[in-house]
Amino acid sequence: MTAATAARLDRIVDGLVASFLASNGAAAVSKKVSFGAAPEAHDTLIRAYLLEKLSEASAQSQRRVEIERQGPLLSVRVTLEPASTTAAPTKSEPAPAPHRPVTIPTSAGPFEYTPPIDLHRDTYSAQEASSRLSRTGQSTSRTIAHERRKESKLLALKVANGFRFPAFQFDPRGGIHPLVERANVRLGAFNDPWGALSWWFEDNDILDDMTPAAALAAGTLDEQVLDAVLDDLTAGM
């Protein structure tokens, strides 16, 4: 996520929280903002970033983030509501469908795991990933992505008869985000892709209870912080 996008998301939160507090937490407030073309910001990371910010700013409220895409156009609606209200109930938005569990073979036997992302909506195929990694932005080969997978630079998940590459790993300027590559290599993503995926989406106290993926999207993750988080992980092993 670019700094400009993160700053605009911060302004949405600041304005909503100010309105919510002005009502002493008694009124629901909502704001919808259109970003136009925003290919650099993935829906999952936008939602995670906004919910983190809203949680920090207003703990005594219900929070909802809705994201809509029409082609390259992106709109985000953020809502704050009183934690409890006696107002007439309104029609609620349908809850997002839970992610489907997958069965992972381990040395101790099959293990059922519910991934933190949608394995199709939030990922790319090997060909799509290779296109994002190619110099021209176009590729009909799957080779590039699989080479990076085997080097542990790119996290890939075995789904059915193929591999899916989580979208958060790609730098909007092209290629793999350098911090993602650095972390994946240290995590041994080729040998333990599901473990690496879990690490990216688990809250971390060094990151003020943000997930590494959300911190990456917010632009608050740098090499020094990343290494501290990874060092803490290995120290606990």
C-alpha atoms as a PDB file:
ATOM      1  CA  MET A   1       0.000   0.000   0.000  1.00  0.00           C
ATOM      2  CA  THR A   2       1.413   3.414  -0.928  1.00  0.00           C
ATOM      3  CA  ALA A   3       1.930   6.141   1.660  1.00  0.00           C
ATOM      4  CA  ALA A   4      -0.721   8.252  -0.097  1.00  0.00           C
ATOM      5  CA  THR A   5      -3.326   5.505   0.187  1.00  0.00           C
ATOM      6  CA  ALA A   6      -2.458   4.879   3.848  1.00  0.00           C
ATOM      7  CA  ALA A   7      -2.714   8.625   4.587  1.00  0.00           C
ATOM      8  CA  ARG A   8      -6.134   8.793   2.956  1.00  0.00           C
ATOM      9  CA  LEU A   9      -7.337   5.793   4.970  1.00  0.00           C
ATOM     10  CA  ASP A  10      -6.047   7.507   8.121  1.00  0.00           C
ATOM     11  CA  ARG A  11      -8.095  10.607   7.290  1.00  0.00           C
ATOM     12  CA  ILE A  12     -11.233   8.465   6.953  1.00  0.00           C
ATOM     13  CA  VAL A  13     -10.633   7.032  10.415  1.00  0.00           C
ATOM     14  CA  ASP A  14      -9.808  10.401  11.990  1.00  0.00           C
ATOM     15  CA  GLY A  15     -12.953  12.036  10.611  1.00  0.00           C
ATOM     16  CA  LEU A  16     -15.228   9.176  11.651  1.00  0.00           C
ATOM     17  CA  VAL A  17     -13.816   8.922  15.150  1.00  0.00           C
ATOM     18  CA  ALA A  18     -14.167  12.683  15.663  1.00  0.00           C
ATOM     19  CA  SER A  19     -17.839  12.534  14.610  1.00  0.00           C
ATOM     20  CA  PHE A  20     -18.464   9.464  16.758  1.00  0.00           C
ATOM     21  CA  LEU A  21     -16.907  11.035  19.851  1.00  0.00           C
ATOM     22  CA  ALA A  22     -18.804  14.281  19.262  1.00  0.00           C
ATOM     23  CA  SER A  23     -22.017  12.296  19.687  1.00  0.00           C
ATOM     24  CA  ASN A  24     -20.671  10.778  22.928  1.00  0.00           C
ATOM     25  CA  GLY A  25     -20.733   7.431  21.191  1.00  0.00           C
ATOM     26  CA  ALA A  26     -24.505   7.527  20.802  1.00  0.00           C
ATOM     27  CA  ALA A  27     -24.855   7.879  17.034  1.00  0.00           C
ATOM     28  CA  ALA A  28     -23.791   5.653  14.176  1.00  0.00           C
ATOM     29  CA  VAL A  29     -21.515   7.367  11.655  1.00  0.00           C
ATOM     30  CA  SER A  30     -20.494   6.156   8.233  1.00  0.00           C
ATOM     31  CA  LYS A  31     -18.370   7.409   5.378  1.00  0.00           C
ATOM     32  CA  LYS A  32     -17.820   6.125   1.854  1.00  0.00           C
ATOM     33  CA  VAL A  33     -14.770   7.164  -0.137  1.00  0.00           C
ATOM     34  CA  SER A  34     -13.914   6.362  -3.742  1.00  0.00           C
ATOM     35  CA  PHE A  35     -10.240   5.814  -4.485  1.00  0.00           C
ATOM     36  CA  GLY A  36     -10.517   5.536  -8.239  1.00  0.00           C
ATOM     37  CA  ALA A  37      -7.911   3.166  -9.636  1.00  0.00           C
ATOM     38  CA  ALA A  38      -6.045   1.593  -6.712  1.00  0.00           C
ATOM     39  CA  PRO A  39      -4.379  -1.595  -7.953  1.00  0.00           C
ATOM     40  CA  GLU A  40      -1.584  -1.325  -5.389  1.00  0.00           C
ATOM     41  CA  ALA A  41      -3.881  -1.911  -2.405  1.00  0.00           C
ATOM     42  CA  HIS A  42      -5.286  -5.381  -1.864  1.00  0.00           C
ATOM     43  CA  ASP A  43      -8.773  -5.635  -0.340  1.00  0.00           C
ATOM     44  CA  THR A  44      -7.727  -7.925   2.513  1.00  0.00           C
ATOM     45  CA  LEU A  45      -4.936  -5.607   3.596  1.00  0.00           C
ATOM     46  CA  ILE A  46      -7.093  -2.472   3.342  1.00  0.00           C
ATOM     47  CA  ARG A  47      -9.718  -4.090   5.582  1.00  0.00           C
ATOM     48  CA  ALA A  48      -7.108  -5.281   8.097  1.00  0.00           C
ATOM     49  CA  TYR A  49      -5.429  -1.868   8.170  1.00  0.00           C
ATOM     50  CA  LEU A  50      -8.686   0.028   8.729  1.00  0.00           C
ATOM     51  CA  LEU A  51      -9.934  -2.329  11.429  1.00  0.00           C
ATOM     52  CA  GLU A  52      -6.604  -2.022  13.249  1.00  0.00           C
ATOM     53  CA  LYS A  53      -6.801   1.783  13.113  1.00  0.00           C
ATOM     54  CA  LEU A  54     -10.435   1.876  14.205  1.00  0.00           C
ATOM     55  CA  SER A  55      -9.708  -0.470  17.096  1.00  0.00           C
ATOM     56  CA  GLU A  56      -6.892   1.777  18.299  1.00  0.00           C
ATOM     57  CA  ALA A  57      -8.986   4.940  18.007  1.00  0.00           C
ATOM     58  CA  SER A  58     -12.337   3.795  19.362  1.00  0.00           C
ATOM     59  CA  ALA A  59     -12.530   0.650  21.453  1.00  0.00           C
ATOM     60  CA  GLN A  60     -16.118   1.247  22.637  1.00  0.00           C
ATOM     61  CA  SER A  61     -17.814   0.829  19.294  1.00  0.00           C
ATOM     62  CA  GLN A  62     -18.810  -1.657  16.661  1.00  0.00           C
ATOM     63  CA  ARG A  63     -16.723  -1.335  13.520  1.00  0.00           C
ATOM     64  CA  ARG A  64     -17.494  -2.351   9.960  1.00  0.00           C
ATOM     65  CA  VAL A  65     -15.480  -2.021   6.741  1.00  0.00           C
ATOM     66  CA  GLU A  66     -17.052  -2.726   3.355  1.00  0.00           C
ATOM     67  CA  ILE A  67     -15.000  -2.758   0.149  1.00  0.00           C
ATOM     68  CA  GLU A  68     -16.395  -2.714  -3.353  1.00  0.00           C
ATOM     69  CA  ARG A  69     -14.522  -3.029  -6.631  1.00  0.00           C
ATOM     70  CA  GLN A  70     -15.795  -2.406 -10.118  1.00  0.00           C
ATOM     71  CA  GLY A  71     -12.918  -3.197 -12.433  1.00  0.00           C
ATOM     72  CA  PRO A  72      -9.957  -1.096 -11.261  1.00  0.00           C
ATOM     73  CA  LEU A  73     -12.194   1.278  -9.262  1.00  0.00           C
ATOM     74  CA  LEU A  74     -12.242   0.897  -5.505  1.00  0.00           C
ATOM     75  CA  SER A  75     -14.639   2.305  -2.914  1.00  0.00           C
ATOM     76  CA  VAL A  76     -14.445   1.853   0.845  1.00  0.00           C
ATOM     77  CA  ARG A  77     -17.243   2.404   3.370  1.00  0.00           C
ATOM     78  CA  VAL A  78     -16.315   2.580   7.040  1.00  0.00           C
ATOM     79  CA  THR A  79     -18.956   2.543   9.785  1.00  0.00           C
ATOM     80  CA  LEU A  80     -18.795   3.131  13.539  1.00  0.00           C
ATOM     81  CA  GLU A  81     -21.820   2.226  15.657  1.00  0.00           C
ATOM     82  CA  PRO A  82     -22.539   2.325  19.397  1.00  0.00           C
ATOM     83  CA  ALA A  83     -21.480  -0.877  21.146  1.00  0.00           C
ATOM     84  CA  SER A  84     -25.086  -1.292  22.307  1.00  0.00           C
ATOM     85  CA  THR A  85     -28.128   0.574  21.079  1.00  0.00           C
ATOM     86  CA  THR A  86     -31.881   0.567  21.596  1.00  0.00           C
ATOM     87  CA  ALA A  87     -32.553   2.008  18.171  1.00  0.00           C
ATOM     88  CA  ALA A  88     -34.732   0.033  15.785  1.00  0.00           C
ATOM     89  CA  PRO A  89     -32.689  -2.718  14.175  1.00  0.00           C
ATOM     90  CA  THR A  90     -31.509  -2.089  10.662  1.00  0.00           C
ATOM     91  CA  LYS A  91     -30.836  -4.603   7.972  1.00  0.00           C
ATOM     92  CA  SER A  92     -27.348  -5.877   8.556  1.00  0.00           C
ATOM     93  CA  GLU A  93     -24.806  -6.511   5.856  1.00  0.00           C
ATOM     94  CA  PRO A  94     -24.222 -10.198   5.173  1.00  0.00           C
ATOM     95  CA  ALA A  95     -21.195 -11.520   7.009  1.00  0.00           C
ATOM     96  CA  PRO A  96     -18.291 -12.525   4.783  1.00  0.00           C
ATOM     97  CA  ALA A  97     -18.225 -16.221   4.037  1.00  0.00           C
ATOM     98  CA  PRO A  98     -15.768 -18.058   6.299  1.00  0.00           C
ATOM     99  CA  HIS A  99     -12.620 -19.283   4.647  1.00  0.00           C
ATOM    100  CA  ARG A 100     -12.764 -22.934   3.775  1.00  0.00           C
ATOM    101  CA  PRO A 101     -10.504 -25.219   5.821  1.00  0.00           C
ATOM    102  CA  VAL A 102      -7.848 -27.224   4.039  1.00  0.00           C
ATOM    103  CA  THR A 103      -6.233 -30.501   5.015  1.00  0.00           C
ATOM    104  CA  ILE A 104      -2.460 -30.293   5.308  1.00  0.00           C
ATOM    105  CA  PRO A 105      -0.310 -33.440   5.434  1.00  0.00           C
ATOM    106  CA  THR A 106       2.172 -33.366   8.329  1.00  0.00           C
ATOM    107  CA  SER A 107       4.591 -35.841   9.871  1.00  0.00           C
ATOM    108  CA  ALA A 108       2.002 -36.398  12.622  1.00  0.00           C
ATOM    109  CA  GLY A 109      -0.796 -37.026  10.125  1.00  0.00           C
ATOM    110  CA  PRO A 110      -3.366 -34.860   8.307  1.00  0.00           C
ATOM    111  CA  PHE A 111      -4.115 -31.499   9.939  1.00  0.00           C
ATOM    112  CA  GLU A 112      -7.190 -29.362   9.210  1.00  0.00           C
ATOM    113  CA  TYR A 113      -6.308 -25.681   8.933  1.00  0.00           C
ATOM    114  CA  THR A 114      -8.474 -22.635   8.200  1.00  0.00           C
ATOM    115  CA  PRO A 115      -6.343 -20.137   6.262  1.00  0.00           C
ATOM    116  CA  PRO A 116      -6.547 -16.414   7.089  1.00  0.00           C
ATOM    117  CA  ILE A 117      -7.120 -15.513   3.427  1.00  0.00           C
ATOM    118  CA  ASP A 118      -9.366 -16.717   0.630  1.00  0.00           C
ATOM    119  CA  LEU A 119      -7.197 -19.139  -1.320  1.00  0.00           C
ATOM    120  CA  HIS A 120      -8.600 -17.996  -4.660  1.00  0.00           C
ATOM    121  CA  ARG A 121      -9.777 -14.402  -4.275  1.00  0.00           C
ATOM    122  CA  ASP A 122      -6.661 -13.280  -2.339  1.00  0.00           C
ATOM    123  CA  THR A 123      -4.090 -15.164  -4.395  1.00  0.00           C
ATOM    124  CA  TYR A 124      -2.670 -15.429  -7.905  1.00  0.00           C
ATOM    125  CA  SER A 125      -2.118 -18.468 -10.079  1.00  0.00           C
ATOM    126  CA  ALA A 126       1.450 -19.358 -11.026  1.00  0.00           C
ATOM    127  CA  GLN A 127       0.983 -17.731 -14.432  1.00  0.00           C
ATOM    128  CA  GLU A 128      -0.501 -14.546 -12.933  1.00  0.00           C
ATOM    129  CA  ALA A 129       2.326 -14.392 -10.379  1.00  0.00           C
ATOM    130  CA  SER A 130       4.929 -14.889 -13.114  1.00  0.00           C
ATOM    131  CA  SER A 131       3.389 -12.037 -15.100  1.00  0.00           C
ATOM    132  CA  ARG A 132       3.743  -9.724 -12.099  1.00  0.00           C
ATOM    133  CA  LEU A 133       7.375 -10.794 -11.743  1.00  0.00           C
ATOM    134  CA  SER A 134       8.349 -10.441 -15.406  1.00  0.00           C
ATOM    135  CA  ARG A 135      10.048  -7.297 -16.662  1.00  0.00           C
ATOM    136  CA  THR A 136       7.327  -6.625 -19.190  1.00  0.00           C
ATOM    137  CA  GLY A 137       4.446  -7.374 -16.831  1.00  0.00           C
ATOM    138  CA  GLN A 138       3.334 -10.110 -19.194  1.00  0.00           C
ATOM    139  CA  SER A 139       4.282 -13.768 -19.174  1.00  0.00           C
ATOM    140  CA  THR A 140       2.751 -16.936 -20.522  1.00  0.00           C
ATOM    141  CA  SER A 141       5.131 -19.074 -18.444  1.00  0.00           C
ATOM    142  CA  ARG A 142       4.811 -20.218 -14.847  1.00  0.00           C
ATOM    143  CA  THR A 143       8.565 -20.643 -14.500  1.00  0.00           C
ATOM    144  CA  ILE A 144       9.467 -17.346 -12.813  1.00  0.00           C
ATOM    145  CA  ALA A 145       7.038 -17.784  -9.921  1.00  0.00           C
ATOM    146  CA  HIS A 146       8.067 -21.382  -9.318  1.00  0.00           C
ATOM    147  CA  GLU A 147      11.758 -20.460  -9.325  1.00  0.00           C
ATOM    148  CA  ARG A 148      11.111 -17.879  -6.594  1.00  0.00           C
ATOM    149  CA  ARG A 149       8.980 -20.418  -4.718  1.00  0.00           C
ATOM    150  CA  LYS A 150      11.817 -22.960  -4.684  1.00  0.00           C
ATOM    151  CA  GLU A 151      14.177 -20.250  -3.388  1.00  0.00           C
ATOM    152  CA  SER A 152      11.724 -19.520  -0.510  1.00  0.00           C
ATOM    153  CA  LYS A 153      11.496 -15.934  -1.760  1.00  0.00           C
ATOM    154  CA  LEU A 154       7.829 -16.280  -2.688  1.00  0.00           C
ATOM    155  CA  LEU A 155       5.248 -18.027  -0.540  1.00  0.00           C
ATOM    156  CA  ALA A 156       3.076 -20.472  -2.488  1.00  0.00           C
ATOM    157  CA  LEU A 157       0.316 -22.733  -1.221  1.00  0.00           C
ATOM    158  CA  LYS A 158      -0.529 -26.132  -2.687  1.00  0.00           C
ATOM    159  CA  VAL A 159      -4.232 -26.024  -3.518  1.00  0.00           C
ATOM    160  CA  ALA A 160      -5.821 -28.940  -5.381  1.00  0.00           C
ATOM    161  CA  ASN A 161      -3.487 -29.694  -8.299  1.00  0.00           C
ATOM    162  CA  GLY A 162      -1.674 -26.377  -8.430  1.00  0.00           C
ATOM    163  CA  PHE A 163      -0.098 -23.579  -6.426  1.00  0.00           C
ATOM    164  CA  ARG A 164      -1.620 -20.250  -5.337  1.00  0.00           C
ATOM    165  CA  PHE A 165       0.544 -17.224  -4.542  1.00  0.00           C
ATOM    166  CA  PRO A 166      -0.864 -14.817  -1.884  1.00  0.00           C
ATOM    167  CA  ALA A 167      -1.284 -11.357  -3.394  1.00  0.00           C
ATOM    168  CA  PHE A 168       0.029  -9.352  -0.423  1.00  0.00           C
ATOM    169  CA  GLN A 169       3.597 -10.387  -1.326  1.00  0.00           C
ATOM    170  CA  PHE A 170       3.847  -8.336  -4.507  1.00  0.00           C
ATOM    171  CA  ASP A 171       5.285  -4.824  -4.632  1.00  0.00           C
ATOM    172  CA  PRO A 172       2.967  -2.454  -6.551  1.00  0.00           C
ATOM    173  CA  ARG A 173       6.052  -1.177  -8.380  1.00  0.00           C
ATOM    174  CA  GLY A 174       6.756  -4.697  -9.616  1.00  0.00           C
ATOM    175  CA  GLY A 175       8.313  -7.876  -8.312  1.00  0.00           C
ATOM    176  CA  ILE A 176       8.237  -9.283  -4.794  1.00  0.00           C
ATOM    177  CA  HIS A 177       8.194  -6.744  -1.988  1.00  0.00           C
ATOM    178  CA  PRO A 178      11.790  -6.757  -0.623  1.00  0.00           C
ATOM    179  CA  LEU A 179      10.608  -7.172   2.969  1.00  0.00           C
ATOM    180  CA  VAL A 180       8.410 -10.106   1.965  1.00  0.00           C
ATOM    181  CA  GLU A 181      11.322 -11.811   0.246  1.00  0.00           C
ATOM    182  CA  ARG A 182      13.553 -11.195   3.273  1.00  0.00           C
ATOM    183  CA  ALA A 183      10.984 -12.653   5.678  1.00  0.00           C
ATOM    184  CA  ASN A 184      10.012 -15.616   3.514  1.00  0.00           C
ATOM    185  CA  VAL A 185      13.630 -16.741   3.175  1.00  0.00           C
ATOM    186  CA  ARG A 186      14.135 -16.602   6.940  1.00  0.00           C
ATOM    187  CA  LEU A 187      10.825 -18.397   7.513  1.00  0.00           C
ATOM    188  CA  GLY A 188      11.768 -21.166   5.091  1.00  0.00           C
ATOM    189  CA  ALA A 189       8.600 -20.630   3.088  1.00  0.00           C
ATOM    190  CA  PHE A 190       9.376 -23.386   0.589  1.00  0.00           C
ATOM    191  CA  ASN A 191       9.508 -26.086   3.272  1.00  0.00           C
ATOM    192  CA  ASP A 192       6.756 -24.666   5.497  1.00  0.00           C
ATOM    193  CA  PRO A 193       4.429 -22.493   3.385  1.00  0.00           C
ATOM    194  CA  TRP A 194       1.404 -22.808   5.681  1.00  0.00           C
ATOM    195  CA  GLY A 195       3.476 -21.901   8.721  1.00  0.00           C
ATOM    196  CA  ALA A 196       4.844 -18.864   6.889  1.00  0.00           C
ATOM    197  CA  LEU A 197       1.317 -17.815   5.910  1.00  0.00           C
ATOM    198  CA  SER A 198       0.159 -18.050   9.533  1.00  0.00           C
ATOM    199  CA  TRP A 199       3.097 -15.907  10.668  1.00  0.00           C
ATOM    200  CA  TRP A 200       2.185 -13.140   8.235  1.00  0.00           C
ATOM    201  CA  PHE A 201      -1.394 -12.967   9.545  1.00  0.00           C
ATOM    202  CA  GLU A 202      -0.891 -13.421  13.300  1.00  0.00           C
ATOM    203  CA  ASP A 203      -0.985 -10.430  15.670  1.00  0.00           C
ATOM    204  CA  ASN A 204       2.451  -9.551  16.983  1.00  0.00           C
ATOM    205  CA  ASP A 205       3.159  -7.581  20.155  1.00  0.00           C
ATOM    206  CA  ILE A 206       6.330  -6.036  18.689  1.00  0.00           C
ATOM    207  CA  LEU A 207       4.080  -4.571  15.972  1.00  0.00           C
ATOM    208  CA  ASP A 208       1.600  -3.228  18.573  1.00  0.00           C
ATOM    209  CA  ASP A 209      -0.630  -6.254  17.992  1.00  0.00           C
ATOM    210  CA  MET A 210      -0.794  -5.695  14.239  1.00  0.00           C
ATOM    211  CA  THR A 211      -0.115  -8.575  11.890  1.00  0.00           C
ATOM    212  CA  PRO A 212       3.072  -8.413   9.787  1.00  0.00           C
ATOM    213  CA  ALA A 213       0.869  -8.296   6.657  1.00  0.00           C
ATOM    214  CA  ALA A 214      -1.092  -5.305   8.004  1.00  0.00           C
ATOM    215  CA  ALA A 215       2.119  -3.537   9.071  1.00  0.00           C
ATOM    216  CA  LEU A 216       3.529  -4.135   5.588  1.00  0.00           C
ATOM    217  CA  ALA A 217       0.402  -2.617   4.023  1.00  0.00           C
ATOM    218  CA  ALA A 218       0.526   0.353   6.407  1.00  0.00           C
ATOM    219  CA  GLY A 219       4.149   1.065   5.549  1.00  0.00           C
ATOM    220  CA  THR A 220       5.267   0.715   9.201  1.00  0.00           C
ATOM    221  CA  LEU A 221       7.392  -2.368   8.585  1.00  0.00           C
ATOM    222  CA  ASP A 222      11.082  -1.873   7.798  1.00  0.00           C
ATOM    223  CA  GLU A 223      14.127  -4.136   7.839  1.00  0.00           C
ATOM    224  CA  GLN A 224      15.032  -3.358  11.447  1.00  0.00           C
ATOM    225  CA  VAL A 225      11.520  -4.013  12.779  1.00  0.00           C
ATOM    226  CA  LEU A 226      11.126  -7.088  10.585  1.00  0.00           C
ATOM    227  CA  ASP A 227      14.376  -8.597  11.827  1.00  0.00           C
ATOM    228  CA  ALA A 228      13.344  -7.909  15.440  1.00  0.00           C
ATOM    229  CA  VAL A 229      10.064  -9.769  14.906  1.00  0.00           C
ATOM    230  CA  LEU A 230      11.799 -12.692  13.203  1.00  0.00           C
ATOM    231  CA  ASP A 231      14.543 -12.821  15.856  1.00  0.00           C
ATOM    232  CA  ASP A 232      11.850 -12.985  18.530  1.00  0.00           C
ATOM    233  CA  LEU A 233      10.228 -15.862  16.661  1.00  0.00           C
ATOM    234  CA  THR A 234      13.421 -17.922  16.427  1.00  0.00           C
ATOM    235  CA  ALA A 235      14.332 -17.144  20.042  1.00  0.00           C
ATOM    236  CA  GLY A 236      11.123 -18.835  21.152  1.00  0.00           C
ATOM    237  CA  MET A 237      11.876 -22.047  19.261  1.00  0.00           C
END
